[in-house]
Amino acid sequence: MTGAEEDIGARVLAAAQEWIGTPYRHQASMKGVGCDCLGLVRGIWRDLYGAEPEALPAYGRDWAERSGEDRLAEAARRHFQPREAGHTCAPGDLLLFRWRPDLPARHCGIHAGGQRFIHAYEKAAVIVSPLAPGWARRIAGCFRFPDL
C-alpha cells in the first residue's frame, strides 16, 4: 500500500469513527442525528471532500430489489477506485454487500481494520461489527476513496 493510500484510508476511518452512535434513520445523513448505511458514506464524503459527488434521489427501503439495477455498485465505480480482484481490503475502504449473488448490492460500510467494519445497522445506530463469515461472504465489492 502506498503512502497516499494509507493516508486516505486513515482519514476515512477517522471520519467514520466520528459517526459511531449516530442513530439509524432511513435516507438521513447527519452525524449525531441520523443516517442509514448510504447516509454514513455520504457524510464521510462530505467530511473529506465537501459537496457530494452527485444528487441522490429519494429511495425506499426496497430500492435495490425494485429497480433490479445494481445502483450502489454503479455509483461506487463512478466515484471510488475499485480494488483489484484478489487485493486485500484495507482500513478505510468502502465495502458493498449483497444478500444473495443474484441480487444487487444494498448495504455498505467502512472497513475498520482487522475483521471489523463500521456501518449503520438498521433499527439501531452506526456501530462497529465483526466482519464475521456471514458478512464476509456477502461482500460484493471493495473500493478505495479517491485521494484528496
N, C-alpha and C. Protein backbone atom coordinates (compact mmCIF):
# COMPACT_ATOMS: atom_id res chain seq x y z
N MET A 1 0.85 -1.18 0.00
CA MET A 1 0.00 0.00 0.00
C MET A 1 0.89 1.24 0.00
N THR A 2 0.53 2.22 -0.81
CA THR A 2 1.33 3.44 -0.89
C THR A 2 1.00 4.38 0.26
N GLY A 3 1.85 5.40 0.45
CA GLY A 3 1.61 6.38 1.49
C GLY A 3 0.30 7.12 1.31
N ALA A 4 -0.05 7.44 0.05
CA ALA A 4 -1.31 8.14 -0.23
C ALA A 4 -2.50 7.26 0.15
N GLU A 5 -2.40 5.95 -0.15
CA GLU A 5 -3.48 5.04 0.21
C GLU A 5 -3.64 4.95 1.72
N GLU A 6 -2.52 4.86 2.43
CA GLU A 6 -2.58 4.79 3.89
C GLU A 6 -3.19 6.06 4.45
N ASP A 7 -2.81 7.22 3.87
CA ASP A 7 -3.31 8.50 4.36
C ASP A 7 -4.82 8.61 4.16
N ILE A 8 -5.32 8.30 2.96
CA ILE A 8 -6.76 8.43 2.73
C ILE A 8 -7.51 7.40 3.56
N GLY A 9 -6.97 6.20 3.68
CA GLY A 9 -7.62 5.18 4.50
C GLY A 9 -7.72 5.61 5.95
N ALA A 10 -6.65 6.18 6.49
CA ALA A 10 -6.65 6.65 7.88
C ALA A 10 -7.65 7.79 8.06
N ARG A 11 -7.74 8.67 7.09
CA ARG A 11 -8.67 9.80 7.19
C ARG A 11 -10.12 9.34 7.10
N VAL A 12 -10.39 8.40 6.21
CA VAL A 12 -11.75 7.85 6.09
C VAL A 12 -12.13 7.15 7.38
N LEU A 13 -11.24 6.32 7.90
CA LEU A 13 -11.54 5.59 9.13
C LEU A 13 -11.78 6.55 10.30
N ALA A 14 -10.96 7.58 10.41
CA ALA A 14 -11.16 8.56 11.48
C ALA A 14 -12.52 9.26 11.34
N ALA A 15 -12.88 9.61 10.11
CA ALA A 15 -14.18 10.25 9.88
C ALA A 15 -15.31 9.29 10.22
N ALA A 16 -15.19 8.03 9.82
CA ALA A 16 -16.24 7.03 10.10
C ALA A 16 -16.42 6.84 11.60
N GLN A 17 -15.33 6.82 12.34
CA GLN A 17 -15.41 6.61 13.79
C GLN A 17 -16.17 7.74 14.48
N GLU A 18 -16.14 8.93 13.90
CA GLU A 18 -16.90 10.05 14.48
C GLU A 18 -18.41 9.85 14.36
N TRP A 19 -18.84 8.98 13.46
CA TRP A 19 -20.26 8.72 13.26
C TRP A 19 -20.80 7.62 14.18
N ILE A 20 -19.93 6.89 14.86
CA ILE A 20 -20.38 5.80 15.72
C ILE A 20 -21.35 6.34 16.77
N GLY A 21 -22.46 5.65 16.91
CA GLY A 21 -23.51 6.07 17.84
C GLY A 21 -24.61 6.88 17.20
N THR A 22 -24.39 7.35 15.96
CA THR A 22 -25.45 8.09 15.26
C THR A 22 -26.63 7.15 15.03
N PRO A 23 -27.84 7.54 15.44
CA PRO A 23 -28.99 6.64 15.28
C PRO A 23 -29.29 6.32 13.82
N TYR A 24 -29.86 5.14 13.60
CA TYR A 24 -30.26 4.75 12.25
C TYR A 24 -31.52 5.54 11.87
N ARG A 25 -31.46 6.20 10.72
CA ARG A 25 -32.61 6.90 10.16
C ARG A 25 -32.55 6.72 8.65
N HIS A 26 -33.57 6.10 8.09
CA HIS A 26 -33.63 5.85 6.64
C HIS A 26 -33.52 7.17 5.88
N GLN A 27 -32.67 7.22 4.88
CA GLN A 27 -32.40 8.34 3.99
C GLN A 27 -31.70 9.52 4.65
N ALA A 28 -31.39 9.46 5.91
CA ALA A 28 -30.74 10.58 6.59
C ALA A 28 -29.22 10.49 6.43
N SER A 29 -28.57 11.64 6.66
CA SER A 29 -27.11 11.69 6.58
C SER A 29 -26.59 12.86 7.41
N MET A 30 -26.90 12.83 8.72
CA MET A 30 -26.46 13.89 9.60
C MET A 30 -25.82 13.28 10.85
N LYS A 31 -24.53 13.52 10.98
CA LYS A 31 -23.76 12.98 12.11
C LYS A 31 -24.40 13.33 13.44
N GLY A 32 -24.58 12.33 14.28
CA GLY A 32 -25.15 12.53 15.61
C GLY A 32 -26.66 12.59 15.62
N VAL A 33 -27.28 12.79 14.45
CA VAL A 33 -28.73 12.92 14.36
C VAL A 33 -29.36 11.67 13.75
N GLY A 34 -28.83 11.23 12.61
CA GLY A 34 -29.36 10.03 11.98
C GLY A 34 -28.77 9.79 10.62
N CYS A 35 -28.65 8.50 10.27
CA CYS A 35 -28.20 8.12 8.93
C CYS A 35 -28.54 6.66 8.69
N ASP A 36 -28.57 6.30 7.42
CA ASP A 36 -28.60 4.89 7.04
C ASP A 36 -27.22 4.56 6.50
N CYS A 37 -27.03 3.37 5.95
CA CYS A 37 -25.68 2.99 5.52
C CYS A 37 -25.16 3.90 4.42
N LEU A 38 -26.01 4.26 3.47
CA LEU A 38 -25.59 5.16 2.39
C LEU A 38 -25.37 6.57 2.94
N GLY A 39 -26.19 6.98 3.89
CA GLY A 39 -26.02 8.29 4.51
C GLY A 39 -24.71 8.40 5.26
N LEU A 40 -24.26 7.30 5.85
CA LEU A 40 -22.95 7.28 6.52
C LEU A 40 -21.85 7.57 5.49
N VAL A 41 -21.87 6.88 4.37
CA VAL A 41 -20.85 7.08 3.33
C VAL A 41 -20.95 8.49 2.76
N ARG A 42 -22.15 8.97 2.54
CA ARG A 42 -22.33 10.35 2.04
C ARG A 42 -21.75 11.36 3.03
N GLY A 43 -21.99 11.13 4.32
CA GLY A 43 -21.48 12.05 5.33
C GLY A 43 -19.97 12.03 5.42
N ILE A 44 -19.38 10.86 5.31
CA ILE A 44 -17.92 10.77 5.31
C ILE A 44 -17.37 11.50 4.09
N TRP A 45 -18.00 11.32 2.94
CA TRP A 45 -17.58 12.02 1.71
C TRP A 45 -17.60 13.54 1.94
N ARG A 46 -18.69 14.04 2.51
CA ARG A 46 -18.79 15.49 2.77
C ARG A 46 -17.71 15.94 3.74
N ASP A 47 -17.45 15.13 4.79
CA ASP A 47 -16.42 15.47 5.76
C ASP A 47 -15.06 15.63 5.08
N LEU A 48 -14.78 14.80 4.09
CA LEU A 48 -13.47 14.79 3.44
C LEU A 48 -13.35 15.70 2.23
N TYR A 49 -14.41 15.75 1.40
CA TYR A 49 -14.31 16.42 0.11
C TYR A 49 -15.22 17.64 -0.05
N GLY A 50 -16.12 17.85 0.88
CA GLY A 50 -17.07 18.95 0.73
C GLY A 50 -18.38 18.42 0.16
N ALA A 51 -18.81 18.97 -0.96
CA ALA A 51 -20.08 18.59 -1.56
C ALA A 51 -20.07 17.13 -2.03
N GLU A 52 -21.25 16.53 -2.02
CA GLU A 52 -21.39 15.16 -2.51
C GLU A 52 -21.18 15.14 -4.02
N PRO A 53 -20.72 14.02 -4.57
CA PRO A 53 -20.38 13.98 -5.99
C PRO A 53 -21.58 14.01 -6.94
N GLU A 54 -22.76 13.64 -6.46
CA GLU A 54 -23.96 13.69 -7.30
C GLU A 54 -25.19 13.76 -6.41
N ALA A 55 -26.26 14.28 -6.97
CA ALA A 55 -27.53 14.36 -6.24
C ALA A 55 -28.10 12.95 -6.10
N LEU A 56 -28.72 12.71 -4.97
CA LEU A 56 -29.28 11.40 -4.68
C LEU A 56 -30.80 11.52 -4.62
N PRO A 57 -31.52 10.76 -5.47
CA PRO A 57 -32.98 10.80 -5.39
C PRO A 57 -33.47 10.08 -4.13
N ALA A 58 -34.70 10.36 -3.74
CA ALA A 58 -35.31 9.63 -2.63
C ALA A 58 -35.34 8.15 -2.98
N TYR A 59 -35.23 7.30 -1.97
CA TYR A 59 -35.23 5.86 -2.20
C TYR A 59 -35.98 5.17 -1.08
N GLY A 60 -36.68 4.10 -1.44
CA GLY A 60 -37.41 3.30 -0.48
C GLY A 60 -36.52 2.25 0.15
N ARG A 61 -37.02 1.60 1.15
CA ARG A 61 -36.24 0.56 1.83
C ARG A 61 -35.94 -0.63 0.91
N ASP A 62 -36.78 -0.84 -0.09
CA ASP A 62 -36.59 -1.97 -1.01
C ASP A 62 -36.08 -1.51 -2.37
N TRP A 63 -35.39 -0.36 -2.40
CA TRP A 63 -34.96 0.24 -3.67
C TRP A 63 -34.13 -0.70 -4.52
N ALA A 64 -33.27 -1.50 -3.94
CA ALA A 64 -32.38 -2.37 -4.72
C ALA A 64 -33.17 -3.48 -5.42
N GLU A 65 -34.12 -4.06 -4.72
CA GLU A 65 -34.89 -5.14 -5.31
C GLU A 65 -35.87 -4.63 -6.36
N ARG A 66 -36.48 -3.48 -6.13
CA ARG A 66 -37.47 -2.97 -7.05
C ARG A 66 -36.89 -2.59 -8.39
N SER A 67 -35.75 -1.92 -8.38
CA SER A 67 -35.18 -1.44 -9.64
C SER A 67 -34.53 -2.58 -10.43
N GLY A 68 -33.96 -3.55 -9.73
CA GLY A 68 -33.24 -4.62 -10.40
C GLY A 68 -31.86 -4.20 -10.89
N GLU A 69 -31.57 -2.92 -10.79
CA GLU A 69 -30.27 -2.40 -11.21
C GLU A 69 -29.32 -2.41 -10.02
N ASP A 70 -28.04 -2.54 -10.29
CA ASP A 70 -27.05 -2.54 -9.21
C ASP A 70 -26.55 -1.10 -9.00
N ARG A 71 -27.47 -0.22 -8.60
CA ARG A 71 -27.19 1.21 -8.50
C ARG A 71 -26.07 1.54 -7.51
N LEU A 72 -26.03 0.85 -6.40
CA LEU A 72 -24.99 1.13 -5.40
C LEU A 72 -23.61 0.80 -5.96
N ALA A 73 -23.47 -0.35 -6.60
CA ALA A 73 -22.19 -0.72 -7.20
C ALA A 73 -21.82 0.21 -8.35
N GLU A 74 -22.81 0.61 -9.15
CA GLU A 74 -22.54 1.52 -10.27
C GLU A 74 -22.04 2.87 -9.75
N ALA A 75 -22.66 3.38 -8.68
CA ALA A 75 -22.22 4.65 -8.10
C ALA A 75 -20.82 4.51 -7.50
N ALA A 76 -20.56 3.39 -6.86
CA ALA A 76 -19.22 3.17 -6.29
C ALA A 76 -18.17 3.18 -7.40
N ARG A 77 -18.46 2.55 -8.52
CA ARG A 77 -17.50 2.53 -9.63
C ARG A 77 -17.30 3.93 -10.23
N ARG A 78 -18.32 4.77 -10.18
CA ARG A 78 -18.19 6.14 -10.70
C ARG A 78 -17.32 7.03 -9.82
N HIS A 79 -17.37 6.84 -8.50
CA HIS A 79 -16.76 7.80 -7.59
C HIS A 79 -15.61 7.27 -6.74
N PHE A 80 -15.42 5.97 -6.72
CA PHE A 80 -14.37 5.35 -5.91
C PHE A 80 -13.45 4.54 -6.81
N GLN A 81 -12.36 4.09 -6.26
CA GLN A 81 -11.40 3.29 -7.02
C GLN A 81 -11.56 1.83 -6.61
N PRO A 82 -12.00 0.98 -7.54
CA PRO A 82 -12.19 -0.43 -7.17
C PRO A 82 -10.87 -1.11 -6.84
N ARG A 83 -10.90 -1.95 -5.84
CA ARG A 83 -9.74 -2.78 -5.52
C ARG A 83 -9.68 -3.90 -6.55
N GLU A 84 -8.49 -4.25 -6.94
CA GLU A 84 -8.31 -5.34 -7.90
C GLU A 84 -8.75 -6.66 -7.27
N ALA A 85 -9.21 -7.57 -8.11
CA ALA A 85 -9.58 -8.90 -7.61
C ALA A 85 -8.38 -9.52 -6.91
N GLY A 86 -8.61 -10.09 -5.78
CA GLY A 86 -7.54 -10.71 -5.01
C GLY A 86 -6.80 -9.75 -4.09
N HIS A 87 -7.05 -8.44 -4.23
CA HIS A 87 -6.41 -7.46 -3.37
C HIS A 87 -7.13 -7.44 -2.03
N THR A 88 -6.39 -7.38 -0.96
CA THR A 88 -6.98 -7.33 0.37
C THR A 88 -7.55 -5.94 0.63
N CYS A 89 -8.76 -5.90 1.14
CA CYS A 89 -9.35 -4.62 1.52
C CYS A 89 -8.55 -4.04 2.67
N ALA A 90 -8.44 -2.72 2.68
CA ALA A 90 -7.64 -2.02 3.69
C ALA A 90 -8.55 -1.16 4.57
N PRO A 91 -8.08 -0.82 5.77
CA PRO A 91 -8.86 0.07 6.62
C PRO A 91 -9.20 1.37 5.88
N GLY A 92 -10.45 1.77 6.00
CA GLY A 92 -10.92 2.97 5.32
C GLY A 92 -11.55 2.69 3.97
N ASP A 93 -11.48 1.46 3.48
CA ASP A 93 -12.11 1.11 2.20
C ASP A 93 -13.63 1.00 2.37
N LEU A 94 -14.33 1.34 1.29
CA LEU A 94 -15.77 1.15 1.21
C LEU A 94 -16.06 -0.30 0.89
N LEU A 95 -16.92 -0.93 1.66
CA LEU A 95 -17.36 -2.30 1.41
C LEU A 95 -18.81 -2.28 0.97
N LEU A 96 -19.12 -3.01 -0.10
CA LEU A 96 -20.51 -3.19 -0.54
C LEU A 96 -20.91 -4.63 -0.25
N PHE A 97 -22.16 -4.81 0.12
CA PHE A 97 -22.67 -6.13 0.45
C PHE A 97 -23.93 -6.42 -0.36
N ARG A 98 -24.06 -7.68 -0.78
CA ARG A 98 -25.30 -8.15 -1.39
C ARG A 98 -25.74 -9.40 -0.62
N TRP A 99 -27.04 -9.55 -0.44
CA TRP A 99 -27.53 -10.65 0.38
C TRP A 99 -27.48 -11.98 -0.34
N ARG A 100 -27.65 -11.95 -1.69
CA ARG A 100 -27.54 -13.17 -2.49
C ARG A 100 -26.81 -12.81 -3.78
N PRO A 101 -26.11 -13.78 -4.38
CA PRO A 101 -25.34 -13.48 -5.60
C PRO A 101 -26.17 -12.91 -6.75
N ASP A 102 -27.45 -13.24 -6.80
CA ASP A 102 -28.30 -12.78 -7.90
C ASP A 102 -28.99 -11.44 -7.61
N LEU A 103 -28.70 -10.83 -6.48
CA LEU A 103 -29.33 -9.56 -6.11
C LEU A 103 -28.32 -8.41 -6.18
N PRO A 104 -28.79 -7.19 -6.38
CA PRO A 104 -27.89 -6.04 -6.36
C PRO A 104 -27.35 -5.79 -4.94
N ALA A 105 -26.22 -5.11 -4.87
CA ALA A 105 -25.69 -4.68 -3.57
C ALA A 105 -26.70 -3.74 -2.94
N ARG A 106 -26.88 -3.86 -1.61
CA ARG A 106 -27.84 -2.98 -0.95
C ARG A 106 -27.42 -2.53 0.45
N HIS A 107 -26.19 -2.82 0.81
CA HIS A 107 -25.69 -2.36 2.11
C HIS A 107 -24.22 -1.98 1.92
N CYS A 108 -23.76 -1.05 2.74
CA CYS A 108 -22.36 -0.63 2.64
C CYS A 108 -21.83 -0.25 4.01
N GLY A 109 -20.53 -0.26 4.10
CA GLY A 109 -19.86 0.09 5.34
C GLY A 109 -18.40 0.42 5.06
N ILE A 110 -17.67 0.72 6.10
CA ILE A 110 -16.26 1.11 6.01
C ILE A 110 -15.42 0.06 6.73
N HIS A 111 -14.43 -0.47 6.02
CA HIS A 111 -13.52 -1.45 6.63
C HIS A 111 -12.79 -0.75 7.78
N ALA A 112 -12.81 -1.37 8.96
CA ALA A 112 -12.23 -0.74 10.15
C ALA A 112 -10.91 -1.37 10.57
N GLY A 113 -10.36 -2.26 9.74
CA GLY A 113 -9.12 -2.94 10.10
C GLY A 113 -9.42 -4.25 10.79
N GLY A 114 -8.49 -5.17 10.68
CA GLY A 114 -8.73 -6.50 11.23
C GLY A 114 -9.97 -7.09 10.61
N GLN A 115 -10.76 -7.73 11.37
CA GLN A 115 -12.01 -8.32 10.89
C GLN A 115 -13.20 -7.53 11.43
N ARG A 116 -13.19 -6.20 11.16
CA ARG A 116 -14.27 -5.34 11.65
C ARG A 116 -14.66 -4.34 10.56
N PHE A 117 -15.89 -3.83 10.65
CA PHE A 117 -16.33 -2.76 9.76
C PHE A 117 -17.34 -1.88 10.49
N ILE A 118 -17.45 -0.65 10.01
CA ILE A 118 -18.36 0.35 10.58
C ILE A 118 -19.51 0.50 9.60
N HIS A 119 -20.74 0.45 10.12
CA HIS A 119 -21.91 0.59 9.25
C HIS A 119 -23.10 1.06 10.08
N ALA A 120 -24.11 1.55 9.39
CA ALA A 120 -25.36 1.94 10.03
C ALA A 120 -26.24 0.70 10.08
N TYR A 121 -26.47 0.21 11.26
CA TYR A 121 -27.23 -1.01 11.47
C TYR A 121 -28.71 -0.66 11.63
N GLU A 122 -29.53 -1.20 10.74
CA GLU A 122 -30.95 -0.86 10.72
C GLU A 122 -31.60 -1.10 12.09
N LYS A 123 -32.43 -0.17 12.49
CA LYS A 123 -33.16 -0.17 13.76
C LYS A 123 -32.23 0.00 14.96
N ALA A 124 -31.00 0.43 14.72
CA ALA A 124 -30.05 0.63 15.82
C ALA A 124 -29.29 1.94 15.59
N ALA A 125 -28.01 1.84 15.22
CA ALA A 125 -27.16 3.02 15.08
C ALA A 125 -25.94 2.65 14.25
N VAL A 126 -25.06 3.61 14.07
CA VAL A 126 -23.77 3.34 13.45
C VAL A 126 -22.92 2.61 14.49
N ILE A 127 -22.45 1.44 14.11
CA ILE A 127 -21.72 0.58 15.04
C ILE A 127 -20.50 -0.02 14.35
N VAL A 128 -19.62 -0.59 15.16
CA VAL A 128 -18.52 -1.41 14.65
C VAL A 128 -18.96 -2.85 14.82
N SER A 129 -18.94 -3.60 13.72
CA SER A 129 -19.35 -5.01 13.75
C SER A 129 -18.18 -5.90 13.35
N PRO A 130 -18.17 -7.12 13.85
CA PRO A 130 -17.17 -8.08 13.36
C PRO A 130 -17.48 -8.42 11.91
N LEU A 131 -16.46 -8.54 11.11
CA LEU A 131 -16.63 -8.97 9.73
C LEU A 131 -16.64 -10.51 9.74
N ALA A 132 -17.67 -11.02 10.40
CA ALA A 132 -17.84 -12.47 10.59
C ALA A 132 -18.11 -13.12 9.24
N PRO A 133 -18.00 -14.46 9.17
CA PRO A 133 -18.22 -15.13 7.89
C PRO A 133 -19.55 -14.78 7.21
N GLY A 134 -20.60 -14.57 7.99
CA GLY A 134 -21.89 -14.21 7.41
C GLY A 134 -21.85 -12.88 6.66
N TRP A 135 -21.06 -11.95 7.13
CA TRP A 135 -20.86 -10.68 6.43
C TRP A 135 -19.82 -10.84 5.33
N ALA A 136 -18.72 -11.46 5.63
CA ALA A 136 -17.61 -11.55 4.68
C ALA A 136 -18.02 -12.21 3.37
N ARG A 137 -18.84 -13.25 3.43
CA ARG A 137 -19.23 -13.93 2.19
C ARG A 137 -20.21 -13.11 1.36
N ARG A 138 -20.74 -12.05 1.92
CA ARG A 138 -21.67 -11.19 1.19
C ARG A 138 -21.00 -9.94 0.60
N ILE A 139 -19.70 -9.81 0.77
CA ILE A 139 -19.01 -8.64 0.21
C ILE A 139 -19.11 -8.70 -1.31
N ALA A 140 -19.65 -7.64 -1.89
CA ALA A 140 -19.85 -7.54 -3.34
C ALA A 140 -18.81 -6.65 -3.98
N GLY A 141 -18.05 -5.92 -3.20
CA GLY A 141 -17.03 -5.04 -3.75
C GLY A 141 -16.29 -4.31 -2.65
N CYS A 142 -15.08 -3.92 -2.99
CA CYS A 142 -14.20 -3.19 -2.08
C CYS A 142 -13.61 -2.03 -2.89
N PHE A 143 -13.78 -0.82 -2.38
CA PHE A 143 -13.38 0.38 -3.11
C PHE A 143 -12.59 1.32 -2.22
N ARG A 144 -11.61 1.96 -2.79
CA ARG A 144 -10.82 2.96 -2.08
C ARG A 144 -11.39 4.34 -2.36
N PHE A 145 -11.48 5.16 -1.33
CA PHE A 145 -11.88 6.55 -1.52
C PHE A 145 -10.82 7.24 -2.37
N PRO A 146 -11.20 8.21 -3.19
CA PRO A 146 -10.20 8.91 -4.02
C PRO A 146 -9.26 9.74 -3.15
N ASP A 147 -8.05 9.96 -3.66
CA ASP A 147 -7.09 10.81 -2.95
C ASP A 147 -7.64 12.21 -2.80
N LEU A 148 -7.22 12.88 -1.75
CA LEU A 148 -7.68 14.26 -1.51
C LEU A 148 -6.91 15.22 -2.41
